[in-house]
């Protein structure tokens, strides 16, 4: 089993793949030799998977491809299954989170003896509407689930804690559900600040305000599932 895997998920990001993966490879070679790169193409139609295979040749890697666009949650779950590593983190394929973030997460896990290390961005201009909605989501999480969650970016976790079949969401909501479950279970959780850069090319695939508003329903659904599970 590998010590570390970095899952990179993408949907129609062929334009960004060569430069992003080149930088990830270089950073891992220098700081985390032997780490596995798991690239998940979530139903792209622009040759993203082929670009990833070419960029990752001669490395410890695996490329997973979904035939249809299933969502960030599904991509992360597929990546975890393929990772076969003790520790797992992830990065987007748009270049907004530099690979140095992996080092920040790893250092915090060692320093704090954490089971999961969350991250917030040092700077990200989402606009006033998104900031207000983000504040509202965090308030709802505390109200509905009784935990204080600050998490914007990638996180690092022990793979033994992430059980895909116990995490139903295939959507972005998985990035709330898993940390909420870890906090509610009193796992050792740390939070660090990581850099966030402008997207290199293309446009964001997120649904913006619609996605954030949908989180409210998901939070109540999760509360009901946790109640049924006795958690």
Protein backbone atom coordinates (compact mmCIF):
# COMPACT_ATOMS: atom_id res chain seq x y z
CA UNK A 1 0.00 0.00 0.00
CA UNK A 2 1.25 3.51 -0.86
CA UNK A 3 1.72 6.08 1.88
CA UNK A 4 0.00 8.90 -0.05
CA UNK A 5 -2.30 9.30 -3.03
CA UNK A 6 -3.34 12.56 -4.67
CA UNK A 7 -6.68 12.35 -6.47
CA UNK A 8 -7.11 14.84 -9.30
CA UNK A 9 -10.59 15.08 -10.76
CA UNK A 10 -11.56 16.83 -13.96
CA UNK A 11 -14.44 17.50 -16.30
CA UNK A 12 -13.50 18.93 -19.72
CA UNK A 13 -10.14 20.31 -18.56
CA UNK A 14 -7.91 19.11 -21.44
CA UNK A 15 -6.47 22.60 -21.87
CA UNK A 16 -5.19 22.67 -18.28
CA UNK A 17 -4.02 19.07 -17.91
CA UNK A 18 -0.43 19.20 -19.30
CA UNK A 19 0.74 22.14 -17.19
CA UNK A 20 -1.16 21.20 -14.02
CA UNK A 21 0.00 17.57 -14.02
CA UNK A 22 3.57 18.59 -14.85
CA UNK A 23 3.65 20.76 -11.74
CA UNK A 24 2.02 18.11 -9.55
CA UNK A 25 4.52 15.50 -10.74
CA UNK A 26 7.48 17.79 -10.11
CA UNK A 27 6.31 18.67 -6.60
CA UNK A 28 5.60 15.07 -5.62
CA UNK A 29 8.94 13.87 -7.02
CA UNK A 30 10.70 16.44 -4.84
CA UNK A 31 8.64 16.13 -1.66
CA UNK A 32 6.58 12.91 -1.71
CA UNK A 33 8.46 10.38 -3.85
CA UNK A 34 6.44 7.24 -4.36
CA UNK A 35 3.08 8.98 -4.00
CA UNK A 36 0.38 7.75 -6.35
CA UNK A 37 -1.53 10.11 -8.64
CA UNK A 38 -5.12 9.03 -9.26
CA UNK A 39 -6.69 10.96 -12.11
CA UNK A 40 -10.47 10.78 -12.43
CA UNK A 41 -12.05 12.00 -15.66
CA UNK A 42 -15.68 12.62 -14.75
CA UNK A 43 -17.28 12.11 -18.17
CA UNK A 44 -15.26 14.61 -20.22
CA UNK A 45 -15.86 14.96 -23.96
CA UNK A 46 -12.69 16.88 -24.86
CA UNK A 47 -9.95 14.27 -24.55
CA UNK A 48 -9.14 15.04 -20.90
CA UNK A 49 -8.39 11.39 -20.05
CA UNK A 50 -6.02 10.98 -23.01
CA UNK A 51 -4.17 14.16 -22.03
CA UNK A 52 -3.82 12.83 -18.48
CA UNK A 53 -2.45 9.46 -19.62
CA UNK A 54 0.17 11.21 -21.73
CA UNK A 55 1.15 13.60 -18.94
CA UNK A 56 1.41 10.83 -16.34
CA UNK A 57 3.41 8.33 -18.35
CA UNK A 58 6.21 6.65 -16.38
CA UNK A 59 4.78 7.64 -12.99
CA UNK A 60 2.95 5.80 -10.22
CA UNK A 61 -0.54 6.60 -11.43
CA UNK A 62 -3.94 5.31 -12.43
CA UNK A 63 -6.51 6.97 -14.69
CA UNK A 64 -10.18 6.34 -13.99
CA UNK A 65 -12.83 7.46 -16.44
CA UNK A 66 -16.56 7.87 -15.86
CA UNK A 67 -18.60 7.45 -19.02
CA UNK A 68 -20.96 10.24 -17.88
CA UNK A 69 -20.55 13.29 -15.68
CA UNK A 70 -21.49 11.98 -12.24
CA UNK A 71 -20.29 14.77 -9.95
CA UNK A 72 -17.38 15.68 -7.69
CA UNK A 73 -18.50 13.31 -4.96
CA UNK A 74 -18.57 10.36 -7.34
CA UNK A 75 -15.15 11.33 -8.69
CA UNK A 76 -13.66 11.46 -5.20
CA UNK A 77 -15.15 8.09 -4.29
CA UNK A 78 -13.77 6.49 -7.45
CA UNK A 79 -10.40 8.04 -6.66
CA UNK A 80 -10.37 6.69 -3.11
CA UNK A 81 -11.18 3.18 -4.33
CA UNK A 82 -8.30 3.30 -6.82
CA UNK A 83 -5.82 4.98 -4.48
CA UNK A 84 -4.76 2.02 -2.31
CA UNK A 85 -2.95 4.43 0.01
CA UNK A 86 -2.90 5.16 3.73
CA UNK A 87 -3.41 8.88 3.25
CA UNK A 88 -5.43 10.56 0.50
CA UNK A 89 -5.92 14.13 -0.59
CA UNK A 90 -7.20 15.72 -3.79
CA UNK A 91 -6.68 18.65 -6.12
CA UNK A 92 -8.81 20.16 -8.89
CA UNK A 93 -7.44 20.00 -12.43
CA UNK A 94 -7.91 23.72 -13.10
CA UNK A 95 -4.68 24.79 -11.40
CA UNK A 96 -6.39 26.94 -8.77
CA UNK A 97 -4.88 25.00 -5.86
CA UNK A 98 -1.09 24.58 -6.30
CA UNK A 99 0.54 21.28 -5.32
CA UNK A 100 2.29 23.01 -2.41
CA UNK A 101 -1.06 22.70 -0.63
CA UNK A 102 -0.37 18.98 -0.28
CA UNK A 103 2.72 19.78 1.77
CA UNK A 104 0.76 22.13 4.04
CA UNK A 105 -1.85 19.43 4.68
CA UNK A 106 0.75 16.72 5.29
CA UNK A 107 2.75 18.85 7.72
CA UNK A 108 -0.38 19.60 9.76
CA UNK A 109 -1.29 15.91 9.98
CA UNK A 110 2.13 15.14 11.46
CA UNK A 111 2.25 18.20 13.71
CA UNK A 112 -1.26 17.77 15.14
CA UNK A 113 -1.63 13.99 14.97
CA UNK A 114 -4.78 14.59 12.95
CA UNK A 115 -7.02 12.04 11.25
CA UNK A 116 -8.26 14.63 8.75
CA UNK A 117 -6.85 18.04 7.83
CA UNK A 118 -9.27 20.55 6.31
CA UNK A 119 -8.30 23.71 4.44
CA UNK A 120 -9.54 27.22 3.88
CA UNK A 121 -8.27 29.53 1.15
CA UNK A 122 -5.94 32.42 1.88
CA UNK A 123 -7.78 34.53 -0.67
CA UNK A 124 -10.58 33.87 -3.08
CA UNK A 125 -12.77 36.54 -4.63
CA UNK A 126 -16.16 34.82 -4.80
CA UNK A 127 -18.18 38.02 -4.66
CA UNK A 128 -20.46 39.24 -1.88
CA UNK A 129 -23.36 36.91 -2.76
CA UNK A 130 -21.22 33.78 -2.47
CA UNK A 131 -19.62 34.97 0.76
CA UNK A 132 -23.03 35.57 2.35
CA UNK A 133 -24.31 32.20 1.16
CA UNK A 134 -21.16 30.48 2.42
CA UNK A 135 -21.68 32.06 5.82
CA UNK A 136 -25.29 30.87 5.76
CA UNK A 137 -24.25 27.29 4.95
CA UNK A 138 -21.76 27.23 7.81
CA UNK A 139 -24.44 28.55 10.17
CA UNK A 140 -26.85 25.84 9.01
CA UNK A 141 -24.22 23.15 9.55
CA UNK A 142 -23.76 24.28 13.12
CA UNK A 143 -27.52 24.53 13.70
CA UNK A 144 -28.48 21.21 12.11
CA UNK A 145 -25.43 19.08 12.96
CA UNK A 146 -23.95 20.80 15.99
CA UNK A 147 -20.43 21.09 14.57
CA UNK A 148 -18.36 24.06 13.45
CA UNK A 149 -17.03 23.45 9.96
CA UNK A 150 -14.57 25.66 8.13
CA UNK A 151 -13.59 23.98 4.88
CA UNK A 152 -13.20 25.54 1.44
CA UNK A 153 -10.49 23.58 -0.32
CA UNK A 154 -8.91 20.13 -0.46
CA UNK A 155 -8.50 18.02 2.64
CA UNK A 156 -6.22 15.17 3.67
CA UNK A 157 -7.57 12.09 5.44
CA UNK A 158 -6.75 8.59 6.57
CA UNK A 159 -8.19 6.30 3.89
CA UNK A 160 -9.52 3.88 6.51
CA UNK A 161 -12.04 6.54 7.60
CA UNK A 162 -13.47 7.12 4.13
CA UNK A 163 -15.91 4.32 3.29
CA UNK A 164 -17.50 5.10 -0.11
CA UNK A 165 -20.54 2.87 0.40
CA UNK A 166 -21.39 4.78 3.59
CA UNK A 167 -21.26 8.15 1.80
CA UNK A 168 -24.22 8.38 -0.63
CA UNK A 169 -23.70 11.83 -2.23
CA UNK A 170 -22.19 11.90 -5.71
CA UNK A 171 -22.40 15.68 -5.74
CA UNK A 172 -20.27 18.46 -4.27
CA UNK A 173 -22.15 17.89 -1.00
CA UNK A 174 -19.82 14.99 -0.21
CA UNK A 175 -17.22 17.66 0.63
CA UNK A 176 -19.52 18.72 3.47
CA UNK A 177 -20.81 15.32 4.54
CA UNK A 178 -17.48 13.58 5.14
CA UNK A 179 -15.99 16.39 7.31
CA UNK A 180 -19.28 16.73 9.20
CA UNK A 181 -19.22 13.03 10.01
CA UNK A 182 -15.60 13.24 11.14
CA UNK A 183 -16.28 16.22 13.40
CA UNK A 184 -19.41 14.62 14.84
CA UNK A 185 -17.42 11.45 15.58
CA UNK A 186 -14.82 13.49 17.52
CA UNK A 187 -12.01 12.55 15.16
CA UNK A 188 -8.84 14.59 15.39
CA UNK A 189 -9.44 17.40 12.88
CA UNK A 190 -7.08 20.24 11.99
CA UNK A 191 -7.62 23.19 9.65
CA UNK A 192 -4.93 24.97 7.62
CA UNK A 193 -4.81 27.82 5.13
CA UNK A 194 -3.80 27.06 1.54
CA UNK A 195 -3.25 29.32 -1.47
CA UNK A 196 -5.88 29.73 -4.18
CA UNK A 197 -4.88 31.00 -7.63
CA UNK A 198 -6.90 32.18 -10.64
CA UNK A 199 -8.14 29.47 -12.99
CA UNK A 200 -5.63 29.00 -15.83
CA UNK A 201 -8.04 28.35 -18.66
CA UNK A 202 -11.65 27.44 -19.31
CA UNK A 203 -14.60 28.19 -17.07
CA UNK A 204 -15.76 26.90 -13.71
CA UNK A 205 -18.04 23.84 -13.87
CA UNK A 206 -19.70 24.61 -10.53
CA UNK A 207 -23.31 25.72 -10.46
CA UNK A 208 -22.60 28.68 -8.22
CA UNK A 209 -25.51 29.93 -6.15
CA UNK A 210 -27.80 27.07 -7.17
CA UNK A 211 -25.33 24.55 -5.79
CA UNK A 212 -24.92 26.41 -2.52
CA UNK A 213 -28.67 26.78 -2.04
CA UNK A 214 -29.12 23.05 -2.65
CA UNK A 215 -26.81 22.32 0.26
CA UNK A 216 -29.53 23.30 2.74
CA UNK A 217 -31.77 20.42 1.66
CA UNK A 218 -28.80 18.05 1.67
CA UNK A 219 -27.92 19.07 5.23
CA UNK A 220 -31.38 18.15 6.49
CA UNK A 221 -31.31 14.90 4.52
CA UNK A 222 -27.98 14.03 6.14
CA UNK A 223 -29.37 14.83 9.59
CA UNK A 224 -32.20 12.36 8.90
CA UNK A 225 -29.77 9.69 7.69
CA UNK A 226 -27.54 10.16 10.72
CA UNK A 227 -30.59 9.88 12.98
CA UNK A 228 -31.62 6.62 11.31
CA UNK A 229 -28.07 5.30 11.60
CA UNK A 230 -27.84 6.24 15.25
CA UNK A 231 -24.98 8.68 14.62
